[in-house]
């Protein structure tokens, strides 16, 4: 990706930056004013945060910290990069899809974030009631289950995984509607 100015960043930002029904705050004269309100904050889970789409999403969050926060991050094996992301974005939960890397991880490297492993951890993130928007960017068919759970839980989905639609497109779209 080319970074902050890329079309992917712009599209992701437009999709998740504000709730559809949010009104622009105004002062007594009808002029726009900037205000930080927790009820306008979109809370994100990024499934596959260490990949190219995931890092682009984090660029968007970095540029929009007043309206976006990260509740959860997942990666397959890249625990070092996930550690750096966790330190910067302070998610409440991090998940590594491959439980075999557990022995490599030093204690406390994810700060206060709850660490879990495997597909069950990814599904917990997708179902988390504190998450408003799930970015599904796990590569291949491995991304299907997390997306499926998020859809079942009524989450807004940012789908960046074509295999989910190839494998289960009609089922996913039927479940969304």
Protein backbone atom coordinates (compact mmCIF):
# COMPACT_ATOMS: atom_id res chain seq x y z
CA UNK A 1 0.00 0.00 0.00
CA UNK A 2 1.13 3.54 -0.54
CA UNK A 3 0.17 4.69 2.96
CA UNK A 4 -2.09 7.39 4.29
CA UNK A 5 -3.14 8.84 0.94
CA UNK A 6 -4.04 5.57 -0.75
CA UNK A 7 -7.49 4.86 -2.12
CA UNK A 8 -7.81 1.87 0.24
CA UNK A 9 -7.23 4.14 3.25
CA UNK A 10 -9.77 6.65 1.94
CA UNK A 11 -12.44 3.97 1.34
CA UNK A 12 -11.85 2.35 4.74
CA UNK A 13 -11.98 5.74 6.43
CA UNK A 14 -15.24 6.64 4.72
CA UNK A 15 -16.79 3.31 5.67
CA UNK A 16 -15.91 3.33 9.36
CA UNK A 17 -15.25 6.88 10.41
CA UNK A 18 -18.76 7.92 11.53
CA UNK A 19 -22.01 6.21 12.31
CA UNK A 20 -24.52 6.58 9.46
CA UNK A 21 -26.99 8.40 11.71
CA UNK A 22 -24.47 10.70 13.41
CA UNK A 23 -25.16 14.42 13.05
CA UNK A 24 -22.37 16.95 12.90
CA UNK A 25 -22.25 18.78 16.26
CA UNK A 26 -23.00 22.48 15.99
CA UNK A 27 -22.86 25.45 18.34
CA UNK A 28 -25.76 27.80 19.12
CA UNK A 29 -25.20 29.60 15.79
CA UNK A 30 -25.28 26.43 13.72
CA UNK A 31 -21.51 26.38 13.11
CA UNK A 32 -19.71 23.04 13.18
CA UNK A 33 -17.67 22.37 16.28
CA UNK A 34 -15.25 19.61 17.11
CA UNK A 35 -16.20 17.46 20.02
CA UNK A 36 -15.00 14.14 21.36
CA UNK A 37 -17.85 11.87 22.39
CA UNK A 38 -17.56 8.22 23.29
CA UNK A 39 -20.93 7.49 21.68
CA UNK A 40 -19.55 8.62 18.30
CA UNK A 41 -16.43 6.45 18.64
CA UNK A 42 -16.32 3.40 16.36
CA UNK A 43 -14.68 0.46 18.10
CA UNK A 44 -12.84 -1.82 15.68
CA UNK A 45 -11.62 -5.38 15.59
CA UNK A 46 -9.08 -6.01 12.86
CA UNK A 47 -8.80 -9.67 11.90
CA UNK A 48 -5.41 -9.94 10.22
CA UNK A 49 -3.90 -6.69 11.50
CA UNK A 50 -0.33 -7.47 10.43
CA UNK A 51 -1.15 -7.91 6.74
CA UNK A 52 -1.30 -5.13 4.17
CA UNK A 53 -5.02 -4.40 4.64
CA UNK A 54 -4.72 -4.56 8.42
CA UNK A 55 -1.81 -2.15 8.52
CA UNK A 56 -3.68 0.21 6.17
CA UNK A 57 -6.65 0.12 8.56
CA UNK A 58 -4.35 1.00 11.43
CA UNK A 59 -3.07 3.97 9.38
CA UNK A 60 -6.67 5.14 9.13
CA UNK A 61 -7.15 4.70 12.89
CA UNK A 62 -3.92 6.61 13.54
CA UNK A 63 -5.25 9.52 11.47
CA UNK A 64 -8.71 9.43 13.12
CA UNK A 65 -8.11 8.77 16.80
CA UNK A 66 -11.03 11.00 17.83
CA UNK A 67 -13.55 8.74 16.12
CA UNK A 68 -11.85 5.33 15.91
CA UNK A 69 -10.46 3.00 18.54
CA UNK A 70 -9.10 -0.53 18.39
CA UNK A 71 -10.72 -3.12 20.65
CA UNK A 72 -8.98 -6.19 19.24
CA UNK A 73 -6.21 -7.22 16.87
CA UNK A 74 -5.42 -10.63 15.40
CA UNK A 75 -2.48 -12.08 13.50
CA UNK A 76 -1.52 -15.59 12.46
CA UNK A 77 2.13 -15.86 13.61
CA UNK A 78 3.59 -12.33 13.53
CA UNK A 79 3.65 -11.80 17.28
CA UNK A 80 6.48 -9.24 17.17
CA UNK A 81 4.52 -6.94 14.86
CA UNK A 82 1.35 -7.59 16.85
CA UNK A 83 3.26 -6.53 19.98
CA UNK A 84 4.19 -3.20 18.37
CA UNK A 85 0.60 -2.64 17.23
CA UNK A 86 -0.68 -3.51 20.69
CA UNK A 87 1.65 -0.98 22.33
CA UNK A 88 0.47 1.78 20.01
CA UNK A 89 -3.28 1.08 19.84
CA UNK A 90 -3.89 -0.51 23.28
CA UNK A 91 -6.50 -3.10 22.31
CA UNK A 92 -8.25 -5.03 25.05
CA UNK A 93 -7.64 -8.33 23.27
CA UNK A 94 -5.01 -9.76 20.93
CA UNK A 95 -5.18 -13.14 19.25
CA UNK A 96 -2.58 -15.24 17.50
CA UNK A 97 -4.15 -17.76 15.16
CA UNK A 98 -1.30 -20.25 15.47
CA UNK A 99 -1.07 -21.61 19.02
CA UNK A 100 2.39 -23.06 18.25
CA UNK A 101 3.95 -19.58 18.68
CA UNK A 102 2.87 -19.41 22.35
CA UNK A 103 6.26 -20.65 23.57
CA UNK A 104 8.09 -17.85 21.70
CA UNK A 105 6.18 -15.00 23.34
CA UNK A 106 7.74 -13.33 26.38
CA UNK A 107 5.36 -12.76 29.30
CA UNK A 108 3.68 -9.34 29.35
CA UNK A 109 4.71 -8.27 25.85
CA UNK A 110 1.11 -7.34 25.01
CA UNK A 111 0.68 -5.13 28.05
CA UNK A 112 -2.78 -5.33 29.58
CA UNK A 113 -4.39 -6.87 26.50
CA UNK A 114 -5.86 -10.32 26.98
CA UNK A 115 -3.96 -12.81 24.82
CA UNK A 116 -5.68 -15.81 23.29
CA UNK A 117 -4.87 -18.28 20.54
CA UNK A 118 -6.45 -20.16 17.68
CA UNK A 119 -9.72 -20.01 15.82
CA UNK A 120 -11.71 -19.80 19.05
CA UNK A 121 -9.90 -16.57 19.97
CA UNK A 122 -10.64 -15.08 16.54
CA UNK A 123 -14.31 -16.00 16.91
CA UNK A 124 -14.42 -14.39 20.37
CA UNK A 125 -13.08 -11.17 18.85
CA UNK A 126 -15.67 -11.27 16.06
CA UNK A 127 -18.48 -11.78 18.60
CA UNK A 128 -17.21 -9.23 21.14
CA UNK A 129 -20.15 -6.99 22.13
CA UNK A 130 -17.76 -4.03 22.57
CA UNK A 131 -16.85 -4.15 18.85
CA UNK A 132 -18.89 -2.09 16.36
CA UNK A 133 -16.98 -2.82 13.16
CA UNK A 134 -15.02 -5.93 12.15
CA UNK A 135 -12.39 -5.66 9.43
CA UNK A 136 -12.00 -9.15 8.01
CA UNK A 137 -8.65 -9.34 6.26
CA UNK A 138 -7.42 -12.81 7.18
CA UNK A 139 -6.03 -14.39 4.03
CA UNK A 140 -7.78 -17.29 2.32
CA UNK A 141 -10.53 -19.55 3.55
CA UNK A 142 -9.14 -19.14 7.08
CA UNK A 143 -10.99 -15.80 7.19
CA UNK A 144 -14.41 -17.37 6.73
CA UNK A 145 -15.23 -18.40 10.30
CA UNK A 146 -14.40 -15.05 11.88
CA UNK A 147 -16.46 -13.26 9.24
CA UNK A 148 -19.33 -15.71 9.68
CA UNK A 149 -19.43 -15.16 13.46
CA UNK A 150 -19.32 -11.37 13.03
CA UNK A 151 -22.23 -11.49 10.57
CA UNK A 152 -24.21 -13.78 12.89
CA UNK A 153 -23.67 -11.26 15.70
CA UNK A 154 -24.97 -8.40 13.56
CA UNK A 155 -21.64 -6.60 13.25
CA UNK A 156 -20.82 -4.19 10.46
CA UNK A 157 -18.18 -5.91 8.34
CA UNK A 158 -15.36 -4.52 6.25
CA UNK A 159 -14.66 -7.54 4.07
CA UNK A 160 -11.20 -7.61 2.52
CA UNK A 161 -11.13 -11.32 1.82
CA UNK A 162 -12.43 -12.55 -1.53
CA UNK A 163 -12.18 -16.22 -0.54
CA UNK A 164 -14.98 -15.75 1.99
CA UNK A 165 -17.28 -14.75 -0.87
CA UNK A 166 -15.94 -17.45 -3.20
CA UNK A 167 -16.45 -20.21 -0.61
CA UNK A 168 -19.66 -18.98 1.02
CA UNK A 169 -20.83 -15.87 -0.83
CA UNK A 170 -24.53 -16.78 -1.14
CA UNK A 171 -24.68 -17.91 2.50
CA UNK A 172 -22.93 -14.78 3.80
CA UNK A 173 -25.04 -12.39 1.73
CA UNK A 174 -28.23 -14.20 2.75
CA UNK A 175 -27.22 -13.95 6.42
CA UNK A 176 -26.44 -10.23 6.05
CA UNK A 177 -29.92 -9.56 4.65
